[in-house]
């Protein structure tokens, strides 16, 4: 019985994207032709399974239409491409129109999106910073430029599908299209594989991208770099790169959205009688008015001195949390005055 794509990768049908990626990377290291010559077919099988299951829409189609009329579902080499047939294809098979139905060629597959994390200090997150991010990617082979063919040669048109990349398969009353088993949906065949990528047209390399981190990013903010992900197949567009910011905590501020909370020490007399104190903000210390009778823990707002807003103009606020300082040591006069005050309250 043919293996399902999940069985090819050795994962359950409920595997998360991270579990799929870990299983794929482990298998690629094990079966890569550079390590184990002769494993080209197994290597392509693993790649084909991951290409389908790592794409949310293709995985959804595979899970839904993995079988038809009780027939075994598609495997890594026979995955149905439900984006490339319509009612014309179905009724063309029913009425045996001899090719009169519309038949679109197999299109190249877009490259996978990639996500990386970058750590930034709390201060850089508020001010914005430019940084360099190293990313490991599946890119077009530098030797064959993505063709998969050895230098001086070129792929030939697949004789089975005549370059369309798909073949019609009868499933009971229906005629469904699926990737050509001979060229695996590429429409061409590499007779002399590239010595670097062994015919895959791809290789894993590390690229470094300069990323502008905008002012005001939060922990977990995702920055999209369009077209900087993994290379596509068959000339298709590359995926996107998502840079996720991991902001280091501040020793001074607690962030609440675009607002910053800071603790400000206030003496007991100032809290009782009112006055002003210096309060820190990212833009420098400011004078903060303390109303008479301020209680410990009260938040006083300093407008427009918080974190920059990513969406919209301006900044959040600084919320100064009053922390009333109680003197640990008092001289005789201070103690007498405090005792006298206690008698009047």
Protein backbone atom coordinates (compact mmCIF):
# COMPACT_ATOMS: atom_id res chain seq x y z
CA UNK A 1 0.00 0.00 0.00
CA UNK A 2 1.38 3.40 -0.98
CA UNK A 3 2.55 5.61 1.85
CA UNK A 4 0.81 8.88 2.63
CA UNK A 5 2.78 12.10 2.70
CA UNK A 6 2.66 12.05 6.49
CA UNK A 7 4.17 8.57 6.51
CA UNK A 8 6.91 9.73 4.13
CA UNK A 9 7.96 12.33 6.71
CA UNK A 10 7.27 10.03 9.66
CA UNK A 11 4.79 12.34 11.38
CA UNK A 12 1.16 12.14 12.45
CA UNK A 13 -1.67 13.73 10.47
CA UNK A 14 -2.06 16.31 13.26
CA UNK A 15 1.61 17.34 13.17
CA UNK A 16 2.21 21.05 13.69
CA UNK A 17 4.23 23.13 11.16
CA UNK A 18 7.21 23.04 13.55
CA UNK A 19 7.01 19.25 13.83
CA UNK A 20 6.85 18.97 10.03
CA UNK A 21 9.89 21.21 9.64
CA UNK A 22 11.92 19.27 12.23
CA UNK A 23 11.06 15.94 10.63
CA UNK A 24 11.88 17.27 7.15
CA UNK A 25 15.25 18.68 8.17
CA UNK A 26 16.19 15.47 9.98
CA UNK A 27 15.29 13.33 6.97
CA UNK A 28 17.05 15.63 4.50
CA UNK A 29 20.26 15.30 6.49
CA UNK A 30 19.88 11.52 6.53
CA UNK A 31 18.99 10.92 2.87
CA UNK A 32 20.80 13.78 1.11
CA UNK A 33 22.73 12.35 -1.87
CA UNK A 34 25.89 14.11 -0.67
CA UNK A 35 25.90 11.80 2.34
CA UNK A 36 24.23 8.77 0.83
CA UNK A 37 24.77 8.46 -2.94
CA UNK A 38 21.92 6.65 -4.64
CA UNK A 39 19.25 8.22 -2.45
CA UNK A 40 18.10 10.70 -5.09
CA UNK A 41 14.59 9.25 -5.34
CA UNK A 42 14.12 9.10 -1.57
CA UNK A 43 15.47 12.66 -1.33
CA UNK A 44 12.95 13.86 -3.93
CA UNK A 45 10.16 11.93 -2.18
CA UNK A 46 10.89 13.69 1.12
CA UNK A 47 11.11 17.08 -0.59
CA UNK A 48 7.86 16.48 -2.44
CA UNK A 49 6.02 15.51 0.76
CA UNK A 50 7.27 18.58 2.63
CA UNK A 51 6.48 20.91 -0.28
CA UNK A 52 2.81 19.90 -0.03
CA UNK A 53 2.41 19.65 3.76
CA UNK A 54 4.30 22.87 4.52
CA UNK A 55 1.88 24.87 2.36
CA UNK A 56 -1.35 25.41 4.40
CA UNK A 57 -3.61 25.52 1.34
CA UNK A 58 -2.06 22.47 -0.34
CA UNK A 59 -2.14 20.56 2.92
CA UNK A 60 -5.82 21.40 3.33
CA UNK A 61 -6.53 20.12 -0.20
CA UNK A 62 -4.49 16.99 0.40
CA UNK A 63 -6.28 16.21 3.66
CA UNK A 64 -9.68 16.78 2.05
CA UNK A 65 -9.18 15.12 -1.34
CA UNK A 66 -6.57 12.51 -0.48
CA UNK A 67 -8.80 9.76 -1.89
CA UNK A 68 -11.55 9.48 -4.47
CA UNK A 69 -14.11 6.71 -5.02
CA UNK A 70 -12.36 4.50 -2.47
CA UNK A 71 -9.04 4.63 -4.33
CA UNK A 72 -5.78 5.10 -2.34
CA UNK A 73 -4.85 8.73 -1.76
CA UNK A 74 -1.96 10.44 -3.53
CA UNK A 75 1.59 9.91 -2.28
CA UNK A 76 4.63 12.11 -2.58
CA UNK A 77 4.93 11.26 -6.26
CA UNK A 78 1.22 11.44 -7.13
CA UNK A 79 -0.14 14.44 -5.27
CA UNK A 80 -3.29 15.85 -6.86
CA UNK A 81 -3.02 19.54 -7.77
CA UNK A 82 -6.63 20.66 -7.26
CA UNK A 83 -5.75 24.19 -8.26
CA UNK A 84 -5.27 23.13 -11.90
CA UNK A 85 -8.53 21.52 -12.94
CA UNK A 86 -12.13 22.63 -13.21
CA UNK A 87 -15.49 21.23 -14.27
CA UNK A 88 -14.25 21.21 -17.86
CA UNK A 89 -11.58 18.67 -16.87
CA UNK A 90 -14.09 16.50 -14.99
CA UNK A 91 -16.74 16.43 -17.71
CA UNK A 92 -14.06 16.04 -20.35
CA UNK A 93 -13.18 12.74 -18.64
CA UNK A 94 -16.82 11.67 -18.29
CA UNK A 95 -17.67 12.26 -21.94
CA UNK A 96 -14.23 11.19 -23.21
CA UNK A 97 -13.77 14.31 -25.33
CA UNK A 98 -10.31 13.22 -26.36
CA UNK A 99 -8.41 16.18 -24.98
CA UNK A 100 -11.05 18.73 -25.85
CA UNK A 101 -11.23 19.89 -22.21
CA UNK A 102 -9.07 22.72 -20.90
CA UNK A 103 -5.73 21.49 -19.57
CA UNK A 104 -3.39 23.95 -17.88
CA UNK A 105 0.28 23.16 -17.50
CA UNK A 106 1.70 22.49 -14.04
CA UNK A 107 2.93 25.77 -12.71
CA UNK A 108 6.05 26.26 -10.61
CA UNK A 109 5.63 26.18 -6.86
CA UNK A 110 6.25 29.30 -4.80
CA UNK A 111 9.12 29.07 -2.34
CA UNK A 112 8.51 28.53 1.35
CA UNK A 113 8.24 31.41 3.80
CA UNK A 114 10.96 31.53 6.44
CA UNK A 115 10.82 32.95 9.97
CA UNK A 116 13.83 34.03 12.01
CA UNK A 117 14.19 35.82 15.34
CA UNK A 118 16.36 38.82 16.12
CA UNK A 119 17.11 40.09 19.63
CA UNK A 120 17.08 43.83 20.25
CA UNK A 121 17.62 45.86 23.40
CA UNK A 122 14.73 47.70 25.01
CA UNK A 123 16.30 51.02 24.03
CA UNK A 124 16.77 49.99 20.38
CA UNK A 125 13.17 48.80 20.27
CA UNK A 126 12.04 52.30 21.25
CA UNK A 127 14.43 54.18 18.97
CA UNK A 128 14.60 51.82 15.98
CA UNK A 129 17.77 50.20 14.73
CA UNK A 130 19.28 48.62 11.61
CA UNK A 131 20.74 45.15 12.04
CA UNK A 132 22.08 42.24 9.99
CA UNK A 133 20.27 38.91 10.20
CA UNK A 134 21.83 35.61 9.01
CA UNK A 135 19.27 33.23 7.47
CA UNK A 136 19.68 29.65 6.27
CA UNK A 137 17.72 29.20 3.04
CA UNK A 138 17.05 26.76 0.23
CA UNK A 139 18.24 28.82 -2.74
CA UNK A 140 18.83 28.29 -6.44
CA UNK A 141 22.01 26.25 -6.93
CA UNK A 142 24.96 28.52 -7.71
CA UNK A 143 26.41 26.00 -10.18
CA UNK A 144 23.36 25.31 -12.39
CA UNK A 145 21.40 28.48 -11.48
CA UNK A 146 18.40 26.39 -10.50
CA UNK A 147 18.03 24.24 -13.63
CA UNK A 148 19.31 21.08 -11.94
CA UNK A 149 21.37 20.25 -15.05
CA UNK A 150 25.15 20.01 -15.16
CA UNK A 151 26.98 22.98 -16.73
CA UNK A 152 26.92 22.76 -20.52
CA UNK A 153 23.68 20.74 -20.51
CA UNK A 154 20.02 21.59 -20.19
CA UNK A 155 16.84 19.77 -19.12
CA UNK A 156 14.79 18.14 -21.89
CA UNK A 157 11.02 18.24 -22.37
CA UNK A 158 9.38 15.35 -20.54
CA UNK A 159 8.21 12.80 -23.15
CA UNK A 160 5.38 11.49 -20.96
CA UNK A 161 3.53 14.79 -20.39
CA UNK A 162 5.03 16.76 -23.31
CA UNK A 163 6.14 19.47 -20.94
CA UNK A 164 2.78 20.13 -19.31
CA UNK A 165 3.88 18.66 -15.98
CA UNK A 166 0.52 16.88 -15.50
CA UNK A 167 -1.15 13.71 -16.68
CA UNK A 168 -4.83 12.69 -16.59
CA UNK A 169 -5.71 9.82 -14.29
CA UNK A 170 -9.05 7.99 -14.35
CA UNK A 171 -10.75 7.79 -10.95
CA UNK A 172 -13.98 5.94 -11.59
CA UNK A 173 -16.26 8.36 -13.46
CA UNK A 174 -13.81 11.23 -13.13
CA UNK A 175 -10.63 12.16 -14.95
CA UNK A 176 -8.34 14.02 -12.57
CA UNK A 177 -5.07 15.72 -13.24
CA UNK A 178 -2.01 14.94 -11.20
CA UNK A 179 1.69 15.74 -11.49
CA UNK A 180 3.48 13.68 -14.08
CA UNK A 181 5.20 10.72 -12.34
CA UNK A 182 8.16 10.88 -14.71
CA UNK A 183 9.10 14.55 -14.30
CA UNK A 184 7.34 15.07 -10.93
CA UNK A 185 5.29 17.94 -12.30
CA UNK A 186 8.24 19.98 -13.57
CA UNK A 187 7.57 19.41 -17.28
CA UNK A 188 11.23 18.64 -17.94
CA UNK A 189 13.76 15.95 -17.13
CA UNK A 190 17.39 16.40 -16.14
CA UNK A 191 19.48 13.79 -17.93
CA UNK A 192 22.84 14.93 -16.56
CA UNK A 193 22.34 16.15 -12.98
CA UNK A 194 24.32 19.05 -11.60
CA UNK A 195 27.20 17.76 -9.45
CA UNK A 196 26.48 20.35 -6.76
CA UNK A 197 22.74 19.93 -6.18
CA UNK A 198 22.32 16.45 -7.75
CA UNK A 199 19.54 17.64 -10.02
CA UNK A 200 17.37 19.34 -7.42
CA UNK A 201 18.32 22.83 -8.61
CA UNK A 202 18.56 23.97 -4.98
CA UNK A 203 21.12 24.16 -2.22
CA UNK A 204 21.11 25.36 1.38
CA UNK A 205 23.12 28.50 1.94
CA UNK A 206 23.35 31.23 4.56
CA UNK A 207 22.42 34.72 3.43
CA UNK A 208 22.69 37.91 5.44
CA UNK A 209 19.98 40.54 5.17
CA UNK A 210 20.05 44.05 6.51
CA UNK A 211 16.79 44.65 8.36
CA UNK A 212 15.45 47.99 9.53
CA UNK A 213 13.76 47.57 12.90
CA UNK A 214 11.22 50.41 13.19
CA UNK A 215 10.93 52.47 16.37
CA UNK A 216 8.28 51.15 18.73
CA UNK A 217 8.47 47.41 17.97
CA UNK A 218 7.18 45.11 20.68
CA UNK A 219 8.34 41.65 21.66
CA UNK A 220 6.97 39.35 18.94
CA UNK A 221 6.52 42.02 16.24
CA UNK A 222 6.84 40.38 12.77
CA UNK A 223 8.57 42.30 10.00
CA UNK A 224 7.97 41.03 6.47
CA UNK A 225 10.69 41.06 3.80
CA UNK A 226 8.89 40.16 0.59
CA UNK A 227 10.66 37.72 -1.71
CA UNK A 228 13.54 37.07 0.72
CA UNK A 229 12.44 33.55 1.66
CA UNK A 230 13.32 30.27 -0.03
CA UNK A 231 13.62 30.02 -3.81
CA UNK A 232 10.62 28.85 -5.80
CA UNK A 233 10.49 25.78 -8.03
CA UNK A 234 10.39 25.97 -11.80
CA UNK A 235 10.96 29.72 -11.92
CA UNK A 236 8.17 30.50 -9.44
CA UNK A 237 8.43 33.40 -7.00
CA UNK A 238 10.46 33.11 -3.82
CA UNK A 239 8.75 32.98 -0.44
CA UNK A 240 8.87 35.77 2.12
CA UNK A 241 11.11 36.25 5.13
CA UNK A 242 9.53 37.15 8.48
CA UNK A 243 11.81 38.68 11.10
CA UNK A 244 10.38 38.33 14.62
CA UNK A 245 11.70 40.79 17.21
CA UNK A 246 12.59 39.55 20.67
CA UNK A 247 12.91 42.60 22.89
CA UNK A 248 15.04 42.34 26.02
CA UNK A 249 13.29 43.54 29.19
CA UNK A 250 14.15 46.94 30.63
CA UNK A 251 15.60 47.41 34.11
CA UNK A 252 13.60 50.63 34.48
CA UNK A 253 10.36 50.40 32.52
CA UNK A 254 7.48 47.97 32.29
CA UNK A 255 5.79 48.12 28.89
CA UNK A 256 1.99 48.17 28.52
CA UNK A 257 1.27 48.49 24.84
CA UNK A 258 2.64 51.91 23.90
CA UNK A 259 2.72 53.09 27.53
CA UNK A 260 5.71 52.70 29.86
CA UNK A 261 5.35 52.23 33.61
CA UNK A 262 8.18 53.51 35.81
CA UNK A 263 8.52 53.60 39.61
CA UNK A 264 9.21 57.06 41.06
CA UNK A 265 10.31 57.38 44.71
CA UNK A 266 8.50 60.14 46.61
CA UNK A 267 9.24 61.28 50.17
CA UNK A 268 6.51 61.06 52.77
CA UNK A 269 6.25 64.86 53.26
CA UNK A 270 6.02 65.43 49.48
CA UNK A 271 3.30 62.82 49.15
CA UNK A 272 1.40 64.38 52.03
CA UNK A 273 1.89 68.07 51.24
CA UNK A 274 2.37 67.92 47.45
CA UNK A 275 5.33 69.07 45.40
CA UNK A 276 7.44 68.05 42.39
CA UNK A 277 9.96 65.26 41.73
CA UNK A 278 12.13 64.21 38.81
CA UNK A 279 10.69 61.31 36.80
CA UNK A 280 12.69 59.37 34.17
CA UNK A 281 11.39 59.02 30.59
CA UNK A 282 13.10 57.63 27.45
CA UNK A 283 13.60 61.20 26.26
CA UNK A 284 15.12 62.39 29.55
CA UNK A 285 13.98 63.29 33.06
CA UNK A 286 10.95 65.55 33.47
CA UNK A 287 9.43 67.40 36.40
CA UNK A 288 6.42 65.52 37.79
CA UNK A 289 3.80 67.25 39.95
CA UNK A 290 2.78 65.25 43.02
CA UNK A 291 -0.69 66.25 44.28
CA UNK A 292 -1.12 66.62 48.04
CA UNK A 293 -2.35 63.43 49.68
CA UNK A 294 -0.95 61.10 46.97
CA UNK A 295 -1.12 57.46 48.06
CA UNK A 296 1.54 54.81 47.56
CA UNK A 297 1.10 52.99 44.22
CA UNK A 298 -0.86 55.78 42.51
CA UNK A 299 -0.16 56.13 38.76
CA UNK A 300 0.46 59.63 37.46
CA UNK A 301 0.37 60.08 33.67
CA UNK A 302 3.08 61.88 31.71
CA UNK A 303 1.56 62.30 28.25
CA UNK A 304 3.45 61.70 25.01
CA UNK A 305 6.64 60.39 26.60
CA UNK A 306 6.11 56.64 26.05
CA UNK A 307 6.94 54.28 23.19
CA UNK A 308 6.45 55.34 19.55
CA UNK A 309 3.28 53.95 17.97
CA UNK A 310 3.96 51.53 15.13
CA UNK A 311 0.58 52.23 13.52
CA UNK A 312 -0.21 55.89 13.75
CA UNK A 313 1.54 59.06 14.81
CA UNK A 314 2.80 60.08 18.20
CA UNK A 315 3.84 58.16 21.28
CA UNK A 316 2.23 56.50 24.24
CA UNK A 317 2.49 57.85 27.78
CA UNK A 318 4.74 57.26 30.76
CA UNK A 319 2.85 56.10 33.85
CA UNK A 320 4.74 57.10 36.98
CA UNK A 321 3.98 54.73 39.85
CA UNK A 322 4.44 56.57 43.16
CA UNK A 323 6.51 54.67 45.70
CA UNK A 324 6.44 56.51 49.05
CA UNK A 325 9.76 56.27 50.83
CA UNK A 326 9.60 55.77 54.58
CA UNK A 327 12.78 56.91 56.35
CA UNK A 328 14.60 54.01 58.00
CA UNK A 329 16.49 56.23 60.46
CA UNK A 330 15.25 59.41 62.13
CA UNK A 331 16.87 61.78 64.58
CA UNK A 332 15.20 62.76 67.83
CA UNK A 333 13.56 65.89 66.46
CA UNK A 334 12.17 64.10 63.41
CA UNK A 335 10.75 61.35 65.58
CA UNK A 336 9.11 63.90 67.91
CA UNK A 337 7.56 65.76 64.98
CA UNK A 338 6.25 62.54 63.47
CA UNK A 339 4.79 61.45 66.81
CA UNK A 340 3.12 64.81 67.16
CA UNK A 341 1.69 64.46 63.63
CA UNK A 342 0.38 61.02 64.50
CA UNK A 343 -1.58 62.43 67.40
CA UNK A 344 -3.38 64.91 65.15
CA UNK A 345 -4.41 62.50 62.40
